[in-house]
Amino acid sequence: MVLTDLQEGEQVRITHTNCKNGLVQRRLLDLGIMEGSLVRIKRILPLGGPIAIEAKGQLIGIRRGDAKLIQVECV
């Protein structure tokens, strides 16, 4: 399952990040989002917009294309 398959309010654990863009991968690591991190889907914006997630008390917007590459599991 990937991050874009979820509904608002669901909490999941990140199992694998396949971000092709090294800058995005580095930014996620800087924010403390890595494999094993718990995140909650706060908002899914319409028309292919970004997904807002909450991780460790921070709200972060992730482009939908990058979110499709982040694999998660339900907790």
Protein backbone atom coordinates (compact mmCIF):
# COMPACT_ATOMS: atom_id res chain seq x y z
CA MET A 1 0.00 0.00 0.00
CA VAL A 2 1.23 3.52 -0.73
CA LEU A 3 0.51 6.85 0.95
CA THR A 4 -1.97 7.94 -1.74
CA ASP A 5 -4.22 4.91 -1.09
CA LEU A 6 -5.24 6.18 2.36
CA GLN A 7 -8.10 8.28 3.68
CA GLU A 8 -7.89 11.37 5.90
CA GLY A 9 -7.32 10.56 9.56
CA GLU A 10 -5.62 7.19 9.05
CA GLN A 11 -2.38 6.51 10.88
CA VAL A 12 0.27 4.34 9.23
CA ARG A 13 3.90 3.30 9.56
CA ILE A 14 6.31 4.01 6.70
CA THR A 15 7.92 0.80 5.45
CA HIS A 16 9.91 2.03 2.47
CA THR A 17 10.62 5.34 0.75
CA ASN A 18 11.37 5.03 -2.95
CA CYS A 19 11.81 8.73 -3.70
CA LYS A 20 13.76 9.05 -6.92
CA ASN A 21 14.60 12.66 -6.19
CA GLY A 22 17.51 12.72 -3.73
CA LEU A 23 16.53 16.20 -2.54
CA VAL A 24 13.08 14.99 -1.46
CA GLN A 25 14.61 11.97 0.28
CA ARG A 26 17.06 14.20 2.14
CA ARG A 27 14.31 16.66 3.13
CA LEU A 28 12.20 13.85 4.58
CA LEU A 29 15.18 12.58 6.59
CA ASP A 30 15.87 16.10 7.88
CA LEU A 31 12.28 16.27 9.14
CA GLY A 32 12.63 12.89 10.86
CA ILE A 33 10.49 10.95 8.41
CA MET A 34 12.13 7.62 7.66
CA GLU A 35 11.31 3.93 7.57
CA GLY A 36 9.48 3.00 10.76
CA SER A 37 8.06 6.49 11.37
CA LEU A 38 4.39 6.86 12.26
CA VAL A 39 2.47 9.41 10.20
CA ARG A 40 -1.17 10.47 10.06
CA ILE A 41 -2.96 11.72 6.95
CA LYS A 42 -4.34 15.14 7.86
CA ARG A 43 -5.63 16.43 4.52
CA ILE A 44 -5.84 15.25 0.92
CA LEU A 45 -6.23 18.22 -1.37
CA PRO A 46 -8.41 17.84 -4.49
CA LEU A 47 -7.44 17.90 -8.16
CA GLY A 48 -4.15 16.06 -7.71
CA GLY A 49 -2.83 18.49 -5.10
CA PRO A 50 -0.48 17.65 -2.25
CA ILE A 51 -1.15 15.47 0.76
CA ALA A 52 -0.72 16.96 4.24
CA ILE A 53 0.69 14.53 6.80
CA GLU A 54 1.49 14.89 10.48
CA ALA A 55 4.70 13.36 11.79
CA LYS A 56 6.12 14.02 15.25
CA GLY A 57 3.83 17.03 15.72
CA GLN A 58 4.79 18.66 12.40
CA LEU A 59 2.46 19.21 9.45
CA ILE A 60 4.19 18.52 6.15
CA GLY A 61 2.90 18.78 2.59
CA ILE A 62 4.08 16.13 0.15
CA ARG A 63 3.50 16.26 -3.60
CA ARG A 64 1.21 13.50 -4.76
CA GLY A 65 3.84 12.14 -7.16
CA ASP A 66 6.29 11.71 -4.28
CA ALA A 67 3.58 10.29 -1.99
CA LYS A 68 2.89 7.53 -4.54
CA LEU A 69 6.43 6.26 -3.95
CA ILE A 70 6.18 6.00 -0.15
CA GLN A 71 5.07 2.53 0.94
CA VAL A 72 3.20 2.20 4.23
CA GLU A 73 1.46 -0.36 6.46
CA CYS A 74 -1.54 0.07 8.75
CA VAL A 75 -0.96 0.13 12.51
